[in-house]
């Protein structure tokens, strides 16, 4: 039976310019793909919810601009985020090399408890320069999952979000249990009068 518990998570979609961040969101939420998608200015907000393990989970998705001139705004969007979908283009080495910078920027503003999902987008293209083992190794080194996707043909798109939700809910349960344990530990150490 459905619990009336509702969990809300703020998730940021980050990565270099033109890797397909907006296209991934549009494909997932609207089922559409526009090959002439314009570059995001600043940030856009979308939300969706689904039932996961008998509770409603709402994800607020923030689509952020990848261009250099908007990086100064990033901390404003990253603060308090529960997770990030980190996107690179499998045909673009530079977008992969930039991942460390994006993660550092994200983690320094969102905190260590935030979760990451790494997405190699444009998997429909044949001129890939980033091979799966290299991307998987990066993901392992950063403690996150790796998913290959194509916003064009839809491959892997729903997997990104189902993976994200399960990680967020699990991580939230762990944090809640941790907080309760801390509280109990604190109570025991209080000495009276």
N, C-alpha and C. Protein backbone atom coordinates (compact mmCIF):
# COMPACT_ATOMS: atom_id res chain seq x y z
N UNK A 1 0.84 -1.21 0.00
CA UNK A 1 0.00 0.00 0.00
C UNK A 1 0.87 1.25 0.00
N UNK A 2 0.33 2.32 -0.56
CA UNK A 2 1.09 3.56 -0.72
C UNK A 2 1.28 4.25 0.62
N UNK A 3 2.50 4.64 0.90
CA UNK A 3 2.69 5.46 2.09
C UNK A 3 2.46 6.90 1.65
N UNK A 4 2.06 7.77 2.58
CA UNK A 4 1.82 9.15 2.16
C UNK A 4 3.09 9.97 2.30
N UNK A 5 4.19 9.24 2.47
CA UNK A 5 5.48 9.89 2.54
C UNK A 5 5.84 10.40 1.14
N UNK A 6 6.41 11.58 1.10
CA UNK A 6 6.81 12.15 -0.17
C UNK A 6 8.24 12.63 -0.03
N UNK A 7 9.09 12.23 -0.95
CA UNK A 7 10.47 12.68 -0.88
C UNK A 7 10.76 13.60 -2.04
N UNK A 8 11.39 14.73 -1.74
CA UNK A 8 11.76 15.68 -2.79
C UNK A 8 13.28 15.78 -2.87
N UNK A 9 13.79 15.74 -4.10
CA UNK A 9 15.22 15.85 -4.30
C UNK A 9 15.51 16.88 -5.38
N UNK A 10 16.48 17.72 -5.12
CA UNK A 10 16.92 18.66 -6.14
C UNK A 10 18.13 18.06 -6.84
N UNK A 11 18.04 17.95 -8.17
CA UNK A 11 19.10 17.34 -8.95
C UNK A 11 19.55 18.31 -10.04
N UNK A 12 20.86 18.45 -10.19
CA UNK A 12 21.42 19.36 -11.17
C UNK A 12 21.98 18.55 -12.34
N UNK A 13 21.70 18.99 -13.55
CA UNK A 13 22.28 18.34 -14.72
C UNK A 13 23.45 19.22 -15.17
N UNK A 14 24.67 18.65 -15.09
CA UNK A 14 25.86 19.46 -15.35
C UNK A 14 26.77 18.81 -16.39
N UNK A 15 27.65 19.63 -16.95
CA UNK A 15 28.58 19.16 -17.96
C UNK A 15 28.86 20.29 -18.93
N UNK A 16 29.83 20.05 -19.81
CA UNK A 16 30.25 21.09 -20.74
C UNK A 16 29.14 21.45 -21.73
N UNK A 17 29.37 22.53 -22.41
CA UNK A 17 28.42 23.04 -23.39
C UNK A 17 28.23 22.03 -24.53
N UNK A 18 26.99 21.90 -25.01
CA UNK A 18 26.66 21.07 -26.19
C UNK A 18 26.85 19.56 -26.02
N UNK A 19 26.85 19.07 -24.77
CA UNK A 19 26.96 17.62 -24.59
C UNK A 19 25.58 16.95 -24.63
N UNK A 20 24.50 17.78 -24.55
CA UNK A 20 23.15 17.23 -24.66
C UNK A 20 22.37 17.19 -23.36
N UNK A 21 22.69 18.08 -22.42
CA UNK A 21 21.99 18.08 -21.13
C UNK A 21 20.50 18.36 -21.30
N UNK A 22 20.19 19.43 -22.03
CA UNK A 22 18.78 19.80 -22.24
C UNK A 22 18.06 18.72 -23.04
N UNK A 23 18.75 18.15 -24.03
CA UNK A 23 18.14 17.11 -24.86
C UNK A 23 17.78 15.87 -24.05
N UNK A 24 18.63 15.51 -23.08
CA UNK A 24 18.35 14.35 -22.22
C UNK A 24 17.07 14.60 -21.41
N UNK A 25 16.97 15.80 -20.83
CA UNK A 25 15.78 16.14 -20.04
C UNK A 25 14.53 16.15 -20.92
N UNK A 26 14.63 16.78 -22.09
CA UNK A 26 13.47 16.84 -22.99
C UNK A 26 13.03 15.45 -23.44
N UNK A 27 13.99 14.59 -23.73
CA UNK A 27 13.66 13.24 -24.17
C UNK A 27 12.94 12.50 -23.05
N UNK A 28 13.44 12.65 -21.83
CA UNK A 28 12.86 11.94 -20.69
C UNK A 28 11.47 12.47 -20.33
N UNK A 29 11.36 13.79 -20.20
CA UNK A 29 10.10 14.36 -19.71
C UNK A 29 9.06 14.50 -20.82
N UNK A 30 9.49 14.90 -22.02
CA UNK A 30 8.53 15.17 -23.09
C UNK A 30 8.56 14.17 -24.24
N UNK A 31 9.58 13.31 -24.24
CA UNK A 31 9.70 12.35 -25.34
C UNK A 31 10.11 13.00 -26.65
N UNK A 32 10.68 14.21 -26.58
CA UNK A 32 11.03 14.93 -27.81
C UNK A 32 12.54 15.06 -27.96
N UNK A 33 12.97 15.26 -29.20
CA UNK A 33 14.38 15.52 -29.48
C UNK A 33 14.46 16.58 -30.57
N UNK A 34 15.19 17.66 -30.29
CA UNK A 34 15.36 18.73 -31.28
C UNK A 34 16.85 18.82 -31.63
N UNK A 35 17.21 18.43 -32.87
CA UNK A 35 18.62 18.46 -33.25
C UNK A 35 19.20 19.87 -33.23
N UNK A 36 18.32 20.89 -33.28
CA UNK A 36 18.79 22.29 -33.28
C UNK A 36 18.57 22.96 -31.93
N UNK A 37 18.59 22.16 -30.87
CA UNK A 37 18.40 22.69 -29.50
C UNK A 37 19.34 23.87 -29.27
N UNK A 38 18.78 24.98 -28.78
CA UNK A 38 19.64 26.14 -28.53
C UNK A 38 20.35 25.98 -27.19
N UNK A 39 21.45 26.71 -27.01
CA UNK A 39 22.20 26.61 -25.77
C UNK A 39 21.40 27.20 -24.61
N UNK A 40 21.50 26.55 -23.47
CA UNK A 40 20.79 27.02 -22.28
C UNK A 40 21.46 28.29 -21.76
N UNK A 41 20.62 29.26 -21.42
CA UNK A 41 21.13 30.50 -20.83
C UNK A 41 20.79 30.45 -19.34
N UNK A 42 21.83 30.49 -18.50
CA UNK A 42 21.59 30.42 -17.06
C UNK A 42 21.18 29.02 -16.65
N UNK A 43 19.90 28.85 -16.24
CA UNK A 43 19.43 27.52 -15.85
C UNK A 43 17.93 27.41 -16.06
N UNK A 44 17.47 26.20 -16.35
CA UNK A 44 16.04 25.93 -16.46
C UNK A 44 15.65 24.88 -15.45
N UNK A 45 14.37 24.90 -15.10
CA UNK A 45 13.89 24.03 -14.04
C UNK A 45 12.75 23.17 -14.57
N UNK A 46 12.75 21.90 -14.25
CA UNK A 46 11.70 20.97 -14.64
C UNK A 46 11.46 20.05 -13.45
N UNK A 47 10.27 19.49 -13.33
CA UNK A 47 10.15 18.51 -12.25
C UNK A 47 9.27 17.36 -12.70
N UNK A 48 9.50 16.21 -12.10
CA UNK A 48 8.65 15.06 -12.39
C UNK A 48 8.63 14.20 -11.14
N UNK A 49 7.62 13.37 -11.02
CA UNK A 49 7.59 12.48 -9.85
C UNK A 49 7.18 11.09 -10.28
N UNK A 50 7.61 10.12 -9.49
CA UNK A 50 7.19 8.75 -9.75
C UNK A 50 7.11 8.02 -8.43
N UNK A 51 6.38 6.90 -8.46
CA UNK A 51 6.25 6.10 -7.25
C UNK A 51 7.40 5.11 -7.22
N UNK A 52 8.13 5.12 -6.11
CA UNK A 52 9.25 4.21 -5.94
C UNK A 52 9.15 3.59 -4.56
N UNK A 53 9.12 2.27 -4.49
CA UNK A 53 8.98 1.57 -3.21
C UNK A 53 7.86 2.17 -2.37
N UNK A 54 6.69 2.28 -2.99
CA UNK A 54 5.47 2.74 -2.31
C UNK A 54 5.50 4.15 -1.78
N UNK A 55 6.39 4.97 -2.28
CA UNK A 55 6.34 6.37 -1.88
C UNK A 55 6.53 7.24 -3.11
N UNK A 56 5.99 8.45 -3.02
CA UNK A 56 6.12 9.36 -4.15
C UNK A 56 7.47 10.07 -4.04
N UNK A 57 8.24 9.98 -5.11
CA UNK A 57 9.54 10.65 -5.15
C UNK A 57 9.46 11.74 -6.21
N UNK A 58 9.71 12.96 -5.79
CA UNK A 58 9.69 14.07 -6.74
C UNK A 58 11.11 14.55 -6.98
N UNK A 59 11.45 14.68 -8.26
CA UNK A 59 12.77 15.17 -8.62
C UNK A 59 12.61 16.54 -9.25
N UNK A 60 13.32 17.51 -8.69
CA UNK A 60 13.38 18.84 -9.31
C UNK A 60 14.66 18.85 -10.12
N UNK A 61 14.52 18.95 -11.42
CA UNK A 61 15.68 18.88 -12.32
C UNK A 61 16.10 20.27 -12.74
N UNK A 62 17.34 20.61 -12.45
CA UNK A 62 17.87 21.90 -12.88
C UNK A 62 18.84 21.68 -14.02
N UNK A 63 18.53 22.25 -15.15
CA UNK A 63 19.35 22.15 -16.35
C UNK A 63 20.23 23.40 -16.40
N UNK A 64 21.53 23.22 -16.22
CA UNK A 64 22.41 24.39 -16.13
C UNK A 64 23.22 24.59 -17.40
N UNK A 65 23.56 25.83 -17.67
CA UNK A 65 24.35 26.17 -18.86
C UNK A 65 25.77 25.65 -18.70
N UNK A 66 26.34 25.16 -19.81
CA UNK A 66 27.69 24.64 -19.76
C UNK A 66 28.75 25.66 -20.13
N UNK A 67 28.31 26.81 -20.68
CA UNK A 67 29.31 27.79 -21.15
C UNK A 67 30.05 28.44 -20.00
N UNK A 68 31.27 28.78 -20.31
CA UNK A 68 32.19 29.38 -19.34
C UNK A 68 31.59 30.59 -18.63
N UNK A 69 30.89 31.45 -19.39
CA UNK A 69 30.43 32.71 -18.78
C UNK A 69 29.36 32.50 -17.71
N UNK A 70 28.78 31.29 -17.65
CA UNK A 70 27.75 31.04 -16.63
C UNK A 70 28.29 30.30 -15.42
N UNK A 71 29.56 29.93 -15.45
CA UNK A 71 30.10 29.10 -14.35
C UNK A 71 30.00 29.81 -13.00
N UNK A 72 30.08 31.14 -13.03
CA UNK A 72 30.01 31.90 -11.77
C UNK A 72 28.65 31.71 -11.08
N UNK A 73 27.62 31.41 -11.88
CA UNK A 73 26.27 31.21 -11.32
C UNK A 73 26.12 29.83 -10.69
N UNK A 74 26.98 28.91 -11.10
CA UNK A 74 26.82 27.50 -10.71
C UNK A 74 26.58 27.29 -9.21
N UNK A 75 27.41 27.89 -8.33
CA UNK A 75 27.24 27.61 -6.90
C UNK A 75 25.82 27.88 -6.41
N UNK A 76 25.19 28.87 -6.98
CA UNK A 76 23.83 29.23 -6.59
C UNK A 76 22.87 28.05 -6.83
N UNK A 77 23.07 27.35 -7.96
CA UNK A 77 22.18 26.23 -8.29
C UNK A 77 22.60 24.95 -7.58
N UNK A 78 23.89 24.80 -7.32
CA UNK A 78 24.39 23.55 -6.75
C UNK A 78 24.10 23.42 -5.27
N UNK A 79 24.05 24.55 -4.58
CA UNK A 79 23.90 24.51 -3.13
C UNK A 79 22.63 23.75 -2.73
N UNK A 80 22.78 22.79 -1.84
CA UNK A 80 21.62 22.04 -1.36
C UNK A 80 21.12 20.98 -2.32
N UNK A 81 21.84 20.73 -3.39
CA UNK A 81 21.40 19.70 -4.34
C UNK A 81 21.69 18.32 -3.78
N UNK A 82 20.76 17.39 -3.99
CA UNK A 82 20.93 16.03 -3.49
C UNK A 82 21.80 15.21 -4.43
N UNK A 83 21.81 15.61 -5.71
CA UNK A 83 22.58 14.83 -6.67
C UNK A 83 22.80 15.57 -7.96
N UNK A 84 23.66 14.97 -8.79
CA UNK A 84 23.92 15.56 -10.11
C UNK A 84 23.98 14.46 -11.16
N UNK A 85 23.43 14.79 -12.33
CA UNK A 85 23.62 13.97 -13.51
C UNK A 85 24.72 14.67 -14.28
N UNK A 86 25.84 13.98 -14.40
CA UNK A 86 27.03 14.56 -15.00
C UNK A 86 27.13 14.03 -16.42
N UNK A 87 27.07 14.94 -17.41
CA UNK A 87 26.97 14.50 -18.80
C UNK A 87 28.22 14.89 -19.59
N UNK A 88 28.71 13.93 -20.40
CA UNK A 88 29.74 14.26 -21.38
C UNK A 88 29.31 13.64 -22.71
N UNK A 89 29.99 14.05 -23.76
CA UNK A 89 29.69 13.59 -25.11
C UNK A 89 30.76 12.56 -25.49
N UNK A 90 30.35 11.33 -25.80
CA UNK A 90 31.33 10.26 -26.06
C UNK A 90 32.19 10.52 -27.31
N UNK A 91 31.79 11.53 -28.11
CA UNK A 91 32.58 11.86 -29.30
C UNK A 91 33.48 13.07 -29.07
N UNK A 92 33.51 13.56 -27.82
CA UNK A 92 34.23 14.79 -27.54
C UNK A 92 35.14 14.63 -26.31
N UNK A 93 36.43 14.47 -26.56
CA UNK A 93 37.41 14.23 -25.50
C UNK A 93 37.44 15.36 -24.47
N UNK A 94 37.32 16.58 -24.94
CA UNK A 94 37.39 17.73 -24.03
C UNK A 94 36.26 17.70 -23.00
N UNK A 95 35.06 17.30 -23.44
CA UNK A 95 33.92 17.26 -22.52
C UNK A 95 34.15 16.21 -21.43
N UNK A 96 34.91 15.15 -21.77
CA UNK A 96 35.25 14.11 -20.79
C UNK A 96 36.34 14.63 -19.84
N UNK A 97 37.34 15.30 -20.41
CA UNK A 97 38.42 15.85 -19.59
C UNK A 97 37.91 16.89 -18.58
N UNK A 98 36.83 17.58 -18.94
CA UNK A 98 36.27 18.63 -18.07
C UNK A 98 35.51 18.07 -16.86
N UNK A 99 35.24 16.76 -16.85
CA UNK A 99 34.40 16.18 -15.79
C UNK A 99 34.93 16.47 -14.38
N UNK A 100 36.25 16.36 -14.21
CA UNK A 100 36.81 16.58 -12.87
C UNK A 100 36.49 17.98 -12.35
N UNK A 101 36.62 18.94 -13.25
CA UNK A 101 36.34 20.33 -12.88
C UNK A 101 34.87 20.49 -12.47
N UNK A 102 33.96 19.87 -13.24
CA UNK A 102 32.53 19.95 -12.92
C UNK A 102 32.23 19.31 -11.57
N UNK A 103 32.82 18.14 -11.33
CA UNK A 103 32.57 17.45 -10.06
C UNK A 103 33.10 18.26 -8.89
N UNK A 104 34.30 18.81 -9.03
CA UNK A 104 34.87 19.60 -7.94
C UNK A 104 33.98 20.79 -7.61
N UNK A 105 33.54 21.47 -8.65
CA UNK A 105 32.67 22.63 -8.49
C UNK A 105 31.36 22.22 -7.81
N UNK A 106 30.81 21.10 -8.26
CA UNK A 106 29.54 20.62 -7.69
C UNK A 106 29.72 20.21 -6.23
N UNK A 107 30.68 19.35 -5.98
CA UNK A 107 30.88 18.82 -4.61
C UNK A 107 31.22 19.92 -3.61
N UNK A 108 32.00 20.92 -4.05
CA UNK A 108 32.39 21.97 -3.11
C UNK A 108 31.20 22.83 -2.72
N UNK A 109 30.13 22.80 -3.51
CA UNK A 109 28.94 23.59 -3.18
C UNK A 109 27.78 22.77 -2.63
N UNK A 110 27.70 21.50 -3.03
CA UNK A 110 26.54 20.69 -2.61
C UNK A 110 26.84 19.88 -1.37
N UNK A 111 28.11 19.63 -1.11
CA UNK A 111 28.48 18.82 0.05
C UNK A 111 28.78 17.39 -0.35
N UNK A 112 29.38 16.63 0.57
CA UNK A 112 29.86 15.29 0.25
C UNK A 112 28.77 14.24 0.16
N UNK A 113 27.59 14.53 0.72
CA UNK A 113 26.53 13.53 0.71
C UNK A 113 25.80 13.44 -0.62
N UNK A 114 26.05 14.39 -1.49
CA UNK A 114 25.34 14.39 -2.77
C UNK A 114 25.82 13.23 -3.64
N UNK A 115 24.92 12.74 -4.49
CA UNK A 115 25.24 11.58 -5.32
C UNK A 115 25.42 11.99 -6.78
N UNK A 116 26.15 11.14 -7.51
CA UNK A 116 26.43 11.42 -8.93
C UNK A 116 26.03 10.25 -9.80
N UNK A 117 25.55 10.57 -11.00
CA UNK A 117 25.39 9.56 -12.04
C UNK A 117 26.11 10.11 -13.26
N UNK A 118 27.02 9.32 -13.83
CA UNK A 118 27.76 9.76 -15.01
C UNK A 118 27.07 9.24 -16.26
N UNK A 119 26.86 10.15 -17.23
CA UNK A 119 26.19 9.78 -18.48
C UNK A 119 27.07 10.11 -19.68
N UNK A 120 27.32 9.10 -20.49
CA UNK A 120 28.00 9.30 -21.77
C UNK A 120 26.91 9.44 -22.82
N UNK A 121 26.68 10.65 -23.29
CA UNK A 121 25.59 10.91 -24.24
C UNK A 121 26.08 10.80 -25.69
N UNK A 122 25.12 10.73 -26.61
CA UNK A 122 25.35 10.63 -28.06
C UNK A 122 25.86 9.24 -28.44
N UNK A 123 25.36 8.23 -27.73
CA UNK A 123 25.76 6.83 -27.96
C UNK A 123 25.30 6.33 -29.34
N UNK A 124 24.44 7.11 -30.01
CA UNK A 124 23.99 6.71 -31.35
C UNK A 124 25.06 7.03 -32.41
N UNK A 125 26.03 7.87 -32.04
CA UNK A 125 27.06 8.26 -33.03
C UNK A 125 28.18 7.23 -33.08
N UNK A 126 28.76 7.07 -34.25
CA UNK A 126 29.78 6.04 -34.43
C UNK A 126 31.20 6.54 -34.22
N UNK A 127 31.38 7.86 -34.20
CA UNK A 127 32.75 8.40 -34.10
C UNK A 127 33.16 8.66 -32.65
N UNK A 128 32.93 7.65 -31.79
CA UNK A 128 33.24 7.83 -30.38
C UNK A 128 34.75 7.93 -30.15
N UNK A 129 35.12 8.76 -29.17
CA UNK A 129 36.54 8.85 -28.79
C UNK A 129 36.74 8.37 -27.35
N UNK A 130 35.67 8.32 -26.58
CA UNK A 130 35.76 7.81 -25.21
C UNK A 130 35.18 6.41 -25.19
N UNK A 131 36.03 5.43 -24.90
CA UNK A 131 35.58 4.05 -24.88
C UNK A 131 34.97 3.72 -23.52
N UNK A 132 34.08 2.73 -23.51
CA UNK A 132 33.37 2.37 -22.28
C UNK A 132 34.31 2.10 -21.09
N UNK A 133 35.40 1.33 -21.25
CA UNK A 133 36.24 1.07 -20.09
C UNK A 133 36.81 2.34 -19.44
N UNK A 134 37.16 3.32 -20.25
CA UNK A 134 37.71 4.57 -19.71
C UNK A 134 36.64 5.32 -18.90
N UNK A 135 35.44 5.37 -19.43
CA UNK A 135 34.34 6.06 -18.74
C UNK A 135 33.97 5.31 -17.46
N UNK A 136 33.94 3.97 -17.54
CA UNK A 136 33.60 3.17 -16.35
C UNK A 136 34.65 3.36 -15.26
N UNK A 137 35.91 3.44 -15.66
CA UNK A 137 37.00 3.63 -14.70
C UNK A 137 36.83 4.98 -13.99
N UNK A 138 36.50 6.02 -14.76
CA UNK A 138 36.27 7.34 -14.17
C UNK A 138 35.14 7.26 -13.14
N UNK A 139 34.05 6.59 -13.54
CA UNK A 139 32.89 6.45 -12.65
C UNK A 139 33.27 5.71 -11.36
N UNK A 140 34.02 4.61 -11.51
CA UNK A 140 34.45 3.86 -10.33
C UNK A 140 35.31 4.72 -9.41
N UNK A 141 36.24 5.46 -10.00
CA UNK A 141 37.11 6.32 -9.20
C UNK A 141 36.32 7.38 -8.43
N UNK A 142 35.15 7.74 -8.94
CA UNK A 142 34.35 8.79 -8.30
C UNK A 142 33.11 8.23 -7.61
N UNK A 143 33.06 6.91 -7.48
CA UNK A 143 31.96 6.27 -6.74
C UNK A 143 30.60 6.49 -7.34
N UNK A 144 30.51 6.45 -8.67
CA UNK A 144 29.18 6.64 -9.27
C UNK A 144 28.93 5.62 -10.38
N UNK A 145 27.68 5.54 -10.82
CA UNK A 145 27.31 4.63 -11.91
C UNK A 145 27.63 5.29 -13.25
N UNK A 146 27.81 4.46 -14.27
CA UNK A 146 28.01 4.99 -15.62
C UNK A 146 26.92 4.44 -16.53
N UNK A 147 26.27 5.34 -17.26
CA UNK A 147 25.21 4.94 -18.19
C UNK A 147 25.46 5.59 -19.54
N UNK A 148 25.39 4.79 -20.60
CA UNK A 148 25.51 5.37 -21.95
C UNK A 148 24.10 5.65 -22.45
N UNK A 149 23.94 6.79 -23.10
CA UNK A 149 22.61 7.19 -23.51
C UNK A 149 22.65 7.90 -24.85
N UNK A 150 21.48 7.96 -25.47
CA UNK A 150 21.31 8.78 -26.67
C UNK A 150 20.01 9.54 -26.53
N UNK A 151 20.12 10.86 -26.41
CA UNK A 151 18.92 11.68 -26.32
C UNK A 151 18.19 11.64 -27.66
N UNK A 152 18.89 11.27 -28.72
CA UNK A 152 18.28 11.23 -30.04
C UNK A 152 17.35 10.01 -30.18
N UNK A 153 17.90 8.81 -29.91
CA UNK A 153 17.05 7.62 -30.10
C UNK A 153 16.46 7.07 -28.80
N UNK A 154 16.79 7.69 -27.68
CA UNK A 154 16.17 7.30 -26.41
C UNK A 154 16.90 6.23 -25.63
N UNK A 155 17.93 5.64 -26.21
CA UNK A 155 18.69 4.60 -25.51
C UNK A 155 19.20 5.09 -24.16
N UNK A 156 18.93 4.30 -23.11
CA UNK A 156 19.49 4.60 -21.78
C UNK A 156 18.86 5.75 -21.03
N UNK A 157 17.95 6.48 -21.67
CA UNK A 157 17.41 7.69 -21.01
C UNK A 157 16.62 7.35 -19.74
N UNK A 158 15.70 6.39 -19.83
CA UNK A 158 14.92 6.07 -18.62
C UNK A 158 15.80 5.43 -17.56
N UNK A 159 16.86 4.72 -17.98
CA UNK A 159 17.79 4.10 -17.03
C UNK A 159 18.47 5.15 -16.15
N UNK A 160 18.83 6.28 -16.76
CA UNK A 160 19.49 7.36 -16.00
C UNK A 160 18.63 7.72 -14.79
N UNK A 161 17.33 7.91 -15.06
CA UNK A 161 16.46 8.43 -14.01
C UNK A 161 16.03 7.36 -13.01
N UNK A 162 15.87 6.11 -13.46
CA UNK A 162 15.53 5.06 -12.49
C UNK A 162 16.72 4.79 -11.58
N UNK A 163 17.92 4.81 -12.14
CA UNK A 163 19.15 4.63 -11.35
C UNK A 163 19.28 5.77 -10.34
N UNK A 164 19.06 6.98 -10.82
CA UNK A 164 19.16 8.17 -9.98
C UNK A 164 18.21 8.08 -8.78
N UNK A 165 16.95 7.74 -9.06
CA UNK A 165 15.96 7.67 -7.98
C UNK A 165 16.34 6.62 -6.95
N UNK A 166 16.77 5.44 -7.41
CA UNK A 166 17.10 4.40 -6.44
C UNK A 166 18.31 4.82 -5.58
N UNK A 167 19.31 5.47 -6.19
CA UNK A 167 20.48 5.92 -5.42
C UNK A 167 20.07 7.00 -4.41
N UNK A 168 19.25 7.95 -4.85
CA UNK A 168 18.83 9.05 -3.97
C UNK A 168 18.04 8.53 -2.77
N UNK A 169 17.10 7.63 -3.03
CA UNK A 169 16.26 7.11 -1.94
C UNK A 169 17.12 6.32 -0.95
N UNK A 170 18.02 5.45 -1.49
CA UNK A 170 18.91 4.68 -0.61
C UNK A 170 19.80 5.59 0.22
N UNK A 171 20.39 6.58 -0.44
CA UNK A 171 21.32 7.47 0.25
C UNK A 171 20.58 8.29 1.31
N UNK A 172 19.35 8.65 1.02
CA UNK A 172 18.53 9.41 1.96
C UNK A 172 18.20 8.56 3.19
N UNK A 173 17.88 7.27 2.96
CA UNK A 173 17.58 6.37 4.07
C UNK A 173 18.82 6.21 4.96
N UNK A 174 19.98 6.05 4.33
CA UNK A 174 21.22 5.91 5.10
C UNK A 174 21.49 7.14 5.94
N UNK A 175 21.26 8.32 5.35
CA UNK A 175 21.52 9.57 6.09
C UNK A 175 20.56 9.70 7.26
N UNK A 176 19.28 9.30 7.03
CA UNK A 176 18.27 9.40 8.09
C UNK A 176 18.66 8.46 9.23
N UNK A 177 19.04 7.21 8.86
CA UNK A 177 19.45 6.26 9.90
C UNK A 177 20.67 6.77 10.65
N UNK A 178 21.60 7.36 9.92
CA UNK A 178 22.82 7.90 10.52
C UNK A 178 22.46 9.01 11.51
N UNK A 179 21.54 9.88 11.09
CA UNK A 179 21.13 11.01 11.95
C UNK A 179 20.49 10.49 13.23
N UNK A 180 19.66 9.45 13.11
CA UNK A 180 18.99 8.87 14.28
C UNK A 180 20.02 8.25 15.21
N UNK A 181 20.98 7.52 14.64
CA UNK A 181 22.05 6.93 15.44
C UNK A 181 22.82 8.01 16.18
N UNK A 182 23.12 9.10 15.49
CA UNK A 182 23.85 10.22 16.10
C UNK A 182 23.05 10.76 17.29
N UNK A 183 21.75 10.91 17.06
CA UNK A 183 20.88 11.47 18.11
C UNK A 183 20.91 10.58 19.35
N UNK A 184 20.77 9.27 19.13
CA UNK A 184 20.80 8.32 20.24
C UNK A 184 22.14 8.37 20.97
N UNK A 185 23.21 8.45 20.20
CA UNK A 185 24.55 8.52 20.79
C UNK A 185 24.68 9.78 21.64
N UNK A 186 24.15 10.89 21.12
CA UNK A 186 24.22 12.16 21.85
C UNK A 186 23.45 12.09 23.16
N UNK A 187 22.28 11.45 23.11
CA UNK A 187 21.46 11.35 24.32
C UNK A 187 22.21 10.62 25.42
N UNK A 188 22.93 9.54 25.00
CA UNK A 188 23.63 8.73 26.02
C UNK A 188 24.78 9.49 26.67
N UNK A 189 25.33 10.45 25.95
CA UNK A 189 26.50 11.12 26.52
C UNK A 189 26.15 12.33 27.38
N UNK A 190 24.87 12.70 27.40
CA UNK A 190 24.47 13.86 28.18
C UNK A 190 24.48 13.48 29.67
N UNK A 191 25.24 14.23 30.43
CA UNK A 191 25.26 13.95 31.89
C UNK A 191 24.42 15.01 32.59
N UNK A 192 23.64 14.54 33.51
CA UNK A 192 22.72 15.47 34.17
C UNK A 192 23.29 15.97 35.50
N UNK A 193 23.01 17.21 35.80
CA UNK A 193 23.26 17.89 37.07
C UNK A 193 24.57 17.47 37.74
